Amino acid sequence: MLKPERHALILHQVNLHNKVLSTNLSELLKVSEDTIRRDLMELSRDGKVIKVHGGALSRSFHHNVKDKEVYALESKRSIAAKALHLIRDGMLIFTSGGTTILELARMLPEGLQATFVTGSIPAALEYMYHPNIEVVLLGGRGSRNSKITVGGTAISAIRQINADLCLIGINAIDPYAGITDNDWEIVEVKRAMIQQAKKTVALSISEKVNSKDQLLICDAASIDVLITELDPNDERLAAYRSKGVQLL
C-alpha cells in the first residue's frame, strides 16, 4: 500500500472513531507501529490529526475546530434533531461527550426546562447558554483526549443520581458484540450512566453501526433506542430491531 493510501485510511479511522490507537492501526494496515508513528507525526504536522501518546485524535476535539472539520457533520446534526423529540421539560438527563452530543446541545430549544448531568466540558458550556437548563458538571480528572471528566469521583457522583434519560455518543456498536470503545475510563463513565438511567439512547452515525472495538460498555439489548441518520427500516438496522431496540 502506498503512503498516500495509508494516510487516507488512517485519517478515515481517526475521524470515524475520534480516537485511534497506533497498535490497532498497525494491525489493520499490516505495517509496523514505527511506520504508523511516522505516519501520525506527518499527519499531525499537516494539521490533519492531533497526535497523542499511543495514537491520535480527530481535530473535532480541538478548541478551534471549524464546522467543516467535523466528520460527517450533517449526519450528526440529523441524529441530534431526532434525539430532540425524546427530551421533555422536567427531565434529568445524563449526556456523554462527543461531537454529536455537542450538536444536540446547540439545538436545544431556549424554553426547555431540564437538568443535564455531564462530564463533557464543551457540552456543559453549550447547556449554560440556555437560560432554563440546570447544569451539573461531574467532578473528577479531566481527560485531554475526550474533554470529559473521568475516574472514581465522576463515577461516584453518577451513582448518586437516578436519571430519566441517558444520551450517549458511541464509538462502535454491533448487535452481537454490543457497544464498545477503546478507552477504559470512558467505558466506566458510560457504563455507570447507563446503569443509573431509566432509558438509554445511543447516538451513532451509520459508519459506526455494525463495528466493534476492544472494550465492552454494554450489550446492544441494554439500550432502549438507537438513533442514526438512516431510515429506521434500513436493512443494516434489522438485527437491532430483532433485539427489541427502538430505531429512530
C-alpha atoms as a PDB file:
ATOM      1  CA  MET A   1       0.000   0.000   0.000  1.00  0.00           C
ATOM      2  CA  LEU A   2       1.347   3.412  -0.973  1.00  0.00           C
ATOM      3  CA  LYS A   3       1.799   6.039   1.720  1.00  0.00           C
ATOM      4  CA  PRO A   4      -0.977   8.364   0.426  1.00  0.00           C
ATOM      5  CA  GLU A   5      -3.404   5.440   0.517  1.00  0.00           C
ATOM      6  CA  ARG A   6      -2.265   4.529   4.025  1.00  0.00           C
ATOM      7  CA  HIS A   7      -2.656   8.126   5.177  1.00  0.00           C
ATOM      8  CA  ALA A   8      -6.164   8.281   3.730  1.00  0.00           C
ATOM      9  CA  LEU A   9      -7.186   5.124   5.611  1.00  0.00           C
ATOM     10  CA  ILE A  10      -5.640   6.371   8.854  1.00  0.00           C
ATOM     11  CA  LEU A  11      -7.406   9.712   8.538  1.00  0.00           C
ATOM     12  CA  HIS A  12     -10.731   7.974   7.931  1.00  0.00           C
ATOM     13  CA  GLN A  13     -10.310   5.796  11.027  1.00  0.00           C
ATOM     14  CA  VAL A  14      -9.357   8.789  13.174  1.00  0.00           C
ATOM     15  CA  ASN A  15     -12.322  10.843  12.011  1.00  0.00           C
ATOM     16  CA  LEU A  16     -14.736   7.938  12.291  1.00  0.00           C
ATOM     17  CA  HIS A  17     -13.790   6.865  15.832  1.00  0.00           C
ATOM     18  CA  ASN A  18     -12.466  10.223  17.135  1.00  0.00           C
ATOM     19  CA  LYS A  19      -9.525   8.427  18.732  1.00  0.00           C
ATOM     20  CA  VAL A  20      -7.380   5.586  17.386  1.00  0.00           C
ATOM     21  CA  LEU A  21      -4.526   3.603  18.873  1.00  0.00           C
ATOM     22  CA  SER A  22      -1.293   3.011  16.997  1.00  0.00           C
ATOM     23  CA  THR A  23      -1.446  -0.717  17.809  1.00  0.00           C
ATOM     24  CA  ASN A  24      -4.897  -1.030  16.221  1.00  0.00           C
ATOM     25  CA  LEU A  25      -3.817   0.858  13.107  1.00  0.00           C
ATOM     26  CA  SER A  26      -0.747  -1.346  12.831  1.00  0.00           C
ATOM     27  CA  GLU A  27      -2.927  -4.467  12.846  1.00  0.00           C
ATOM     28  CA  LEU A  28      -5.483  -3.009  10.469  1.00  0.00           C
ATOM     29  CA  LEU A  29      -2.934  -1.819   7.886  1.00  0.00           C
ATOM     30  CA  LYS A  30      -0.464  -4.668   8.463  1.00  0.00           C
ATOM     31  CA  VAL A  31       2.528  -2.389   8.928  1.00  0.00           C
ATOM     32  CA  SER A  32       4.861  -1.815  11.874  1.00  0.00           C
ATOM     33  CA  GLU A  33       3.981   0.506  14.731  1.00  0.00           C
ATOM     34  CA  ASP A  34       7.051   2.574  13.836  1.00  0.00           C
ATOM     35  CA  THR A  35       5.541   3.168  10.401  1.00  0.00           C
ATOM     36  CA  ILE A  36       2.244   4.198  11.998  1.00  0.00           C
ATOM     37  CA  ARG A  37       4.020   6.577  14.380  1.00  0.00           C
ATOM     38  CA  ARG A  38       5.787   8.256  11.458  1.00  0.00           C
ATOM     39  CA  ASP A  39       2.502   8.481   9.562  1.00  0.00           C
ATOM     40  CA  LEU A  40       0.747  10.074  12.534  1.00  0.00           C
ATOM     41  CA  MET A  41       3.559  12.552  13.048  1.00  0.00           C
ATOM     42  CA  GLU A  42       3.340  13.587   9.403  1.00  0.00           C
ATOM     43  CA  LEU A  43      -0.454  13.891   9.523  1.00  0.00           C
ATOM     44  CA  SER A  44      -0.128  15.920  12.710  1.00  0.00           C
ATOM     45  CA  ARG A  45       2.396  18.294  11.136  1.00  0.00           C
ATOM     46  CA  ASP A  46      -0.042  18.778   8.243  1.00  0.00           C
ATOM     47  CA  GLY A  47      -2.777  19.700  10.721  1.00  0.00           C
ATOM     48  CA  LYS A  48      -4.974  16.714   9.865  1.00  0.00           C
ATOM     49  CA  VAL A  49      -4.929  14.899  13.232  1.00  0.00           C
ATOM     50  CA  ILE A  50      -3.888  15.601  16.811  1.00  0.00           C
ATOM     51  CA  LYS A  51      -1.021  13.301  17.819  1.00  0.00           C
ATOM     52  CA  VAL A  52      -1.235  11.940  21.370  1.00  0.00           C
ATOM     53  CA  HIS A  53       0.647   9.268  23.273  1.00  0.00           C
ATOM     54  CA  GLY A  54      -0.146   5.889  21.731  1.00  0.00           C
ATOM     55  CA  GLY A  55      -2.277   7.169  18.874  1.00  0.00           C
ATOM     56  CA  ALA A  56      -4.155  10.171  17.508  1.00  0.00           C
ATOM     57  CA  LEU A  57      -7.319  12.224  17.953  1.00  0.00           C
ATOM     58  CA  SER A  58      -9.656  13.762  15.424  1.00  0.00           C
ATOM     59  CA  ARG A  59      -9.368  17.523  15.051  1.00  0.00           C
ATOM     60  CA  SER A  60     -13.001  17.631  16.204  1.00  0.00           C
ATOM     61  CA  PHE A  61     -11.509  17.692  19.732  1.00  0.00           C
ATOM     62  CA  HIS A  62      -9.535  20.883  19.052  1.00  0.00           C
ATOM     63  CA  HIS A  63     -10.974  24.033  20.618  1.00  0.00           C
ATOM     64  CA  ASN A  64     -10.527  25.985  17.377  1.00  0.00           C
ATOM     65  CA  VAL A  65     -12.177  23.399  15.163  1.00  0.00           C
ATOM     66  CA  LYS A  66     -14.416  24.710  12.376  1.00  0.00           C
ATOM     67  CA  ASP A  67     -17.679  23.060  11.320  1.00  0.00           C
ATOM     68  CA  LYS A  68     -16.124  21.888   8.055  1.00  0.00           C
ATOM     69  CA  GLU A  69     -13.552  19.899  10.060  1.00  0.00           C
ATOM     70  CA  VAL A  70     -16.164  17.893  11.985  1.00  0.00           C
ATOM     71  CA  TYR A  71     -16.516  14.484  10.386  1.00  0.00           C
ATOM     72  CA  ALA A  72     -19.996  13.654   8.983  1.00  0.00           C
ATOM     73  CA  LEU A  73     -21.396  16.867  10.447  1.00  0.00           C
ATOM     74  CA  GLU A  74     -24.705  16.808   8.569  1.00  0.00           C
ATOM     75  CA  SER A  75     -25.352  13.207   9.656  1.00  0.00           C
ATOM     76  CA  LYS A  76     -24.618  14.168  13.262  1.00  0.00           C
ATOM     77  CA  ARG A  77     -26.997  17.118  13.028  1.00  0.00           C
ATOM     78  CA  SER A  78     -29.701  14.818  11.644  1.00  0.00           C
ATOM     79  CA  ILE A  79     -29.191  12.434  14.586  1.00  0.00           C
ATOM     80  CA  ALA A  80     -29.285  15.303  17.078  1.00  0.00           C
ATOM     81  CA  ALA A  81     -32.551  16.604  15.598  1.00  0.00           C
ATOM     82  CA  LYS A  82     -34.139  13.172  16.058  1.00  0.00           C
ATOM     83  CA  ALA A  83     -32.914  12.974  19.658  1.00  0.00           C
ATOM     84  CA  LEU A  84     -34.612  16.286  20.486  1.00  0.00           C
ATOM     85  CA  HIS A  85     -38.003  14.559  20.272  1.00  0.00           C
ATOM     86  CA  LEU A  86     -37.134  12.410  23.307  1.00  0.00           C
ATOM     87  CA  ILE A  87     -36.360  15.336  25.620  1.00  0.00           C
ATOM     88  CA  ARG A  88     -39.153  16.751  27.806  1.00  0.00           C
ATOM     89  CA  ASP A  89     -39.467  19.521  30.360  1.00  0.00           C
ATOM     90  CA  GLY A  90     -38.590  18.419  33.871  1.00  0.00           C
ATOM     91  CA  MET A  91     -36.261  15.608  32.821  1.00  0.00           C
ATOM     92  CA  LEU A  92     -32.932  14.851  34.449  1.00  0.00           C
ATOM     93  CA  ILE A  93     -30.606  13.744  31.665  1.00  0.00           C
ATOM     94  CA  PHE A  94     -27.140  12.194  31.528  1.00  0.00           C
ATOM     95  CA  THR A  95     -25.083  13.020  28.462  1.00  0.00           C
ATOM     96  CA  SER A  96     -21.650  11.783  27.414  1.00  0.00           C
ATOM     97  CA  GLY A  97     -19.132  13.685  25.340  1.00  0.00           C
ATOM     98  CA  GLY A  98     -18.592  13.726  21.592  1.00  0.00           C
ATOM     99  CA  THR A  99     -19.433  15.904  18.610  1.00  0.00           C
ATOM    100  CA  THR A 100     -22.958  14.505  18.127  1.00  0.00           C
ATOM    101  CA  ILE A 101     -23.840  15.376  21.735  1.00  0.00           C
ATOM    102  CA  LEU A 102     -22.382  18.836  21.147  1.00  0.00           C
ATOM    103  CA  GLU A 103     -24.647  19.348  18.127  1.00  0.00           C
ATOM    104  CA  LEU A 104     -27.620  18.245  20.234  1.00  0.00           C
ATOM    105  CA  ALA A 105     -26.692  20.757  22.953  1.00  0.00           C
ATOM    106  CA  ARG A 106     -26.675  23.546  20.372  1.00  0.00           C
ATOM    107  CA  MET A 107     -30.154  22.580  19.130  1.00  0.00           C
ATOM    108  CA  LEU A 108     -31.948  22.547  22.476  1.00  0.00           C
ATOM    109  CA  PRO A 109     -34.910  24.950  22.477  1.00  0.00           C
ATOM    110  CA  GLU A 110     -34.467  28.108  24.508  1.00  0.00           C
ATOM    111  CA  GLY A 111     -37.545  27.414  26.632  1.00  0.00           C
ATOM    112  CA  LEU A 112     -36.551  23.883  27.675  1.00  0.00           C
ATOM    113  CA  GLN A 113     -36.592  23.374  31.446  1.00  0.00           C
ATOM    114  CA  ALA A 114     -34.457  20.370  32.318  1.00  0.00           C
ATOM    115  CA  THR A 115     -31.339  19.306  34.193  1.00  0.00           C
ATOM    116  CA  PHE A 116     -28.335  17.985  32.284  1.00  0.00           C
ATOM    117  CA  VAL A 117     -25.650  15.995  34.091  1.00  0.00           C
ATOM    118  CA  THR A 118     -22.442  15.621  32.110  1.00  0.00           C
ATOM    119  CA  GLY A 119     -18.701  15.282  32.352  1.00  0.00           C
ATOM    120  CA  SER A 120     -18.267  16.883  28.926  1.00  0.00           C
ATOM    121  CA  ILE A 121     -16.815  20.354  29.344  1.00  0.00           C
ATOM    122  CA  PRO A 122     -17.728  21.534  25.799  1.00  0.00           C
ATOM    123  CA  ALA A 123     -21.306  20.247  26.177  1.00  0.00           C
ATOM    124  CA  ALA A 124     -21.680  21.813  29.640  1.00  0.00           C
ATOM    125  CA  LEU A 125     -20.716  25.205  28.216  1.00  0.00           C
ATOM    126  CA  GLU A 126     -23.373  24.843  25.496  1.00  0.00           C
ATOM    127  CA  TYR A 127     -26.040  23.895  28.054  1.00  0.00           C
ATOM    128  CA  MET A 128     -25.187  27.019  30.047  1.00  0.00           C
ATOM    129  CA  TYR A 129     -26.243  29.216  27.115  1.00  0.00           C
ATOM    130  CA  HIS A 130     -29.835  28.023  27.687  1.00  0.00           C
ATOM    131  CA  PRO A 131     -31.492  30.134  30.404  1.00  0.00           C
ATOM    132  CA  ASN A 132     -33.807  27.436  31.796  1.00  0.00           C
ATOM    133  CA  ILE A 133     -31.387  24.499  31.865  1.00  0.00           C
ATOM    134  CA  GLU A 134     -29.680  23.461  35.080  1.00  0.00           C
ATOM    135  CA  VAL A 135     -26.201  22.055  34.507  1.00  0.00           C
ATOM    136  CA  VAL A 136     -24.462  19.570  36.781  1.00  0.00           C
ATOM    137  CA  LEU A 137     -20.817  19.168  35.760  1.00  0.00           C
ATOM    138  CA  LEU A 138     -19.372  15.942  37.108  1.00  0.00           C
ATOM    139  CA  GLY A 139     -16.138  16.301  39.047  1.00  0.00           C
ATOM    140  CA  GLY A 140     -13.069  14.176  38.554  1.00  0.00           C
ATOM    141  CA  ARG A 141      -9.929  14.203  36.497  1.00  0.00           C
ATOM    142  CA  GLY A 142     -10.186  15.869  33.105  1.00  0.00           C
ATOM    143  CA  SER A 143      -9.295  13.707  30.113  1.00  0.00           C
ATOM    144  CA  ARG A 144      -7.367  15.658  27.487  1.00  0.00           C
ATOM    145  CA  ASN A 145      -8.272  13.039  24.899  1.00  0.00           C
ATOM    146  CA  SER A 146     -12.045  13.222  25.296  1.00  0.00           C
ATOM    147  CA  LYS A 147     -12.612  16.578  27.063  1.00  0.00           C
ATOM    148  CA  ILE A 148     -14.683  14.852  29.760  1.00  0.00           C
ATOM    149  CA  THR A 149     -14.183  14.189  33.454  1.00  0.00           C
ATOM    150  CA  VAL A 150     -13.312  10.601  34.321  1.00  0.00           C
ATOM    151  CA  GLY A 151     -12.262   8.482  37.267  1.00  0.00           C
ATOM    152  CA  GLY A 152     -13.670   7.483  40.639  1.00  0.00           C
ATOM    153  CA  THR A 153     -15.020  10.911  41.605  1.00  0.00           C
ATOM    154  CA  ALA A 154     -17.135  11.177  38.446  1.00  0.00           C
ATOM    155  CA  ILE A 155     -18.414   7.606  38.741  1.00  0.00           C
ATOM    156  CA  SER A 156     -19.259   8.033  42.434  1.00  0.00           C
ATOM    157  CA  ALA A 157     -21.333  11.111  41.606  1.00  0.00           C
ATOM    158  CA  ILE A 158     -23.164   9.285  38.818  1.00  0.00           C
ATOM    159  CA  ARG A 159     -24.059   6.505  41.256  1.00  0.00           C
ATOM    160  CA  GLN A 160     -25.945   9.032  43.413  1.00  0.00           C
ATOM    161  CA  ILE A 161     -28.268  10.083  40.594  1.00  0.00           C
ATOM    162  CA  ASN A 162     -31.310   8.409  39.062  1.00  0.00           C
ATOM    163  CA  ALA A 163     -31.752   9.912  35.594  1.00  0.00           C
ATOM    164  CA  ASP A 164     -34.783   9.868  33.329  1.00  0.00           C
ATOM    165  CA  LEU A 165     -32.683   9.623  30.198  1.00  0.00           C
ATOM    166  CA  CYS A 166     -29.114   8.809  29.182  1.00  0.00           C
ATOM    167  CA  LEU A 167     -27.896  10.101  25.819  1.00  0.00           C
ATOM    168  CA  ILE A 168     -24.538   8.680  24.772  1.00  0.00           C
ATOM    169  CA  GLY A 169     -22.415   9.206  21.727  1.00  0.00           C
ATOM    170  CA  ILE A 170     -20.736   5.932  20.845  1.00  0.00           C
ATOM    171  CA  ASN A 171     -17.536   4.745  19.236  1.00  0.00           C
ATOM    172  CA  ALA A 172     -18.753   1.392  17.894  1.00  0.00           C
ATOM    173  CA  ILE A 173     -21.899  -0.716  18.070  1.00  0.00           C
ATOM    174  CA  ASP A 174     -22.616  -4.243  16.906  1.00  0.00           C
ATOM    175  CA  PRO A 175     -25.802  -6.276  17.542  1.00  0.00           C
ATOM    176  CA  TYR A 176     -23.742  -9.181  18.893  1.00  0.00           C
ATOM    177  CA  ALA A 177     -20.592  -7.528  20.294  1.00  0.00           C
ATOM    178  CA  GLY A 178     -22.574  -4.680  21.904  1.00  0.00           C
ATOM    179  CA  ILE A 179     -21.440  -1.093  22.425  1.00  0.00           C
ATOM    180  CA  THR A 180     -17.672  -0.903  22.652  1.00  0.00           C
ATOM    181  CA  ASP A 181     -14.872   1.648  22.987  1.00  0.00           C
ATOM    182  CA  ASN A 182     -11.077   1.808  23.179  1.00  0.00           C
ATOM    183  CA  ASP A 183     -10.725   3.968  26.317  1.00  0.00           C
ATOM    184  CA  TRP A 184     -11.309   2.200  29.644  1.00  0.00           C
ATOM    185  CA  GLU A 185     -12.050   5.382  31.612  1.00  0.00           C
ATOM    186  CA  ILE A 186     -14.730   6.419  29.134  1.00  0.00           C
ATOM    187  CA  VAL A 187     -16.167   2.898  29.254  1.00  0.00           C
ATOM    188  CA  GLU A 188     -16.520   3.141  33.043  1.00  0.00           C
ATOM    189  CA  VAL A 189     -18.289   6.512  32.892  1.00  0.00           C
ATOM    190  CA  LYS A 190     -20.728   5.483  30.150  1.00  0.00           C
ATOM    191  CA  ARG A 191     -21.465   2.166  31.832  1.00  0.00           C
ATOM    192  CA  ALA A 192     -22.307   3.935  35.097  1.00  0.00           C
ATOM    193  CA  MET A 193     -24.606   6.402  33.300  1.00  0.00           C
ATOM    194  CA  ILE A 194     -26.463   3.601  31.538  1.00  0.00           C
ATOM    195  CA  GLN A 195     -26.965   1.722  34.794  1.00  0.00           C
ATOM    196  CA  GLN A 196     -28.394   4.807  36.535  1.00  0.00           C
ATOM    197  CA  ALA A 197     -30.855   5.829  33.799  1.00  0.00           C
ATOM    198  CA  LYS A 198     -34.425   4.722  33.183  1.00  0.00           C
ATOM    199  CA  LYS A 199     -33.916   4.929  29.421  1.00  0.00           C
ATOM    200  CA  THR A 200     -30.728   4.861  27.344  1.00  0.00           C
ATOM    201  CA  VAL A 201     -30.382   6.306  23.863  1.00  0.00           C
ATOM    202  CA  ALA A 202     -27.316   5.618  21.697  1.00  0.00           C
ATOM    203  CA  LEU A 203     -26.421   8.193  19.035  1.00  0.00           C
ATOM    204  CA  SER A 204     -24.353   6.849  16.143  1.00  0.00           C
ATOM    205  CA  ILE A 205     -23.555   7.730  12.561  1.00  0.00           C
ATOM    206  CA  SER A 206     -24.182   4.760  10.286  1.00  0.00           C
ATOM    207  CA  GLU A 207     -20.487   4.100   9.637  1.00  0.00           C
ATOM    208  CA  LYS A 208     -20.113   3.065  13.288  1.00  0.00           C
ATOM    209  CA  VAL A 209     -23.053   0.669  13.094  1.00  0.00           C
ATOM    210  CA  ASN A 210     -22.001  -2.996  12.932  1.00  0.00           C
ATOM    211  CA  SER A 211     -18.458  -2.196  14.042  1.00  0.00           C
ATOM    212  CA  LYS A 212     -16.676  -3.147  17.242  1.00  0.00           C
ATOM    213  CA  ASP A 213     -13.791  -2.103  19.439  1.00  0.00           C
ATOM    214  CA  GLN A 214     -11.872  -3.757  22.274  1.00  0.00           C
ATOM    215  CA  LEU A 215     -13.703  -2.769  25.471  1.00  0.00           C
ATOM    216  CA  LEU A 216     -17.343  -3.598  26.234  1.00  0.00           C
ATOM    217  CA  ILE A 217     -19.669  -0.926  27.617  1.00  0.00           C
ATOM    218  CA  CYS A 218     -22.919  -2.909  27.419  1.00  0.00           C
ATOM    219  CA  ASP A 219     -24.859  -5.391  25.304  1.00  0.00           C
ATOM    220  CA  ALA A 220     -26.831  -3.993  22.383  1.00  0.00           C
ATOM    221  CA  ALA A 221     -30.065  -5.088  24.078  1.00  0.00           C
ATOM    222  CA  SER A 222     -29.188  -2.897  27.094  1.00  0.00           C
ATOM    223  CA  ILE A 223     -30.018   0.255  25.142  1.00  0.00           C
ATOM    224  CA  ASP A 224     -33.605   1.302  24.535  1.00  0.00           C
ATOM    225  CA  VAL A 225     -33.204   3.480  21.453  1.00  0.00           C
ATOM    226  CA  LEU A 226     -30.640   3.671  18.644  1.00  0.00           C
ATOM    227  CA  ILE A 227     -30.597   6.858  16.584  1.00  0.00           C
ATOM    228  CA  THR A 228     -28.729   7.072  13.283  1.00  0.00           C
ATOM    229  CA  GLU A 229     -29.159   9.248  10.216  1.00  0.00           C
ATOM    230  CA  LEU A 230     -30.588   6.198   8.419  1.00  0.00           C
ATOM    231  CA  ASP A 231     -34.238   5.403   7.826  1.00  0.00           C
ATOM    232  CA  PRO A 232     -35.328   3.108  10.706  1.00  0.00           C
ATOM    233  CA  ASN A 233     -36.325   0.467   8.162  1.00  0.00           C
ATOM    234  CA  ASP A 234     -32.835   0.284   6.678  1.00  0.00           C
ATOM    235  CA  GLU A 235     -31.676  -3.327   6.419  1.00  0.00           C
ATOM    236  CA  ARG A 236     -28.437  -2.517   8.269  1.00  0.00           C
ATOM    237  CA  LEU A 237     -30.501  -1.978  11.421  1.00  0.00           C
ATOM    238  CA  ALA A 238     -32.599  -5.154  11.234  1.00  0.00           C
ATOM    239  CA  ALA A 239     -30.583  -7.054  13.859  1.00  0.00           C
ATOM    240  CA  TYR A 240     -31.102  -4.273  16.414  1.00  0.00           C
ATOM    241  CA  ARG A 241     -34.836  -4.303  15.768  1.00  0.00           C
ATOM    242  CA  SER A 242     -34.904  -8.047  16.434  1.00  0.00           C
ATOM    243  CA  LYS A 243     -33.289  -7.388  19.842  1.00  0.00           C
ATOM    244  CA  GLY A 244     -36.091  -5.039  20.807  1.00  0.00           C
ATOM    245  CA  VAL A 245     -34.164  -1.799  20.280  1.00  0.00           C
ATOM    246  CA  GLN A 246     -36.320   1.102  19.112  1.00  0.00           C
ATOM    247  CA  LEU A 247     -34.913   2.760  15.996  1.00  0.00           C
ATOM    248  CA  LEU A 248     -35.197   6.441  15.113  1.00  0.00           C
END
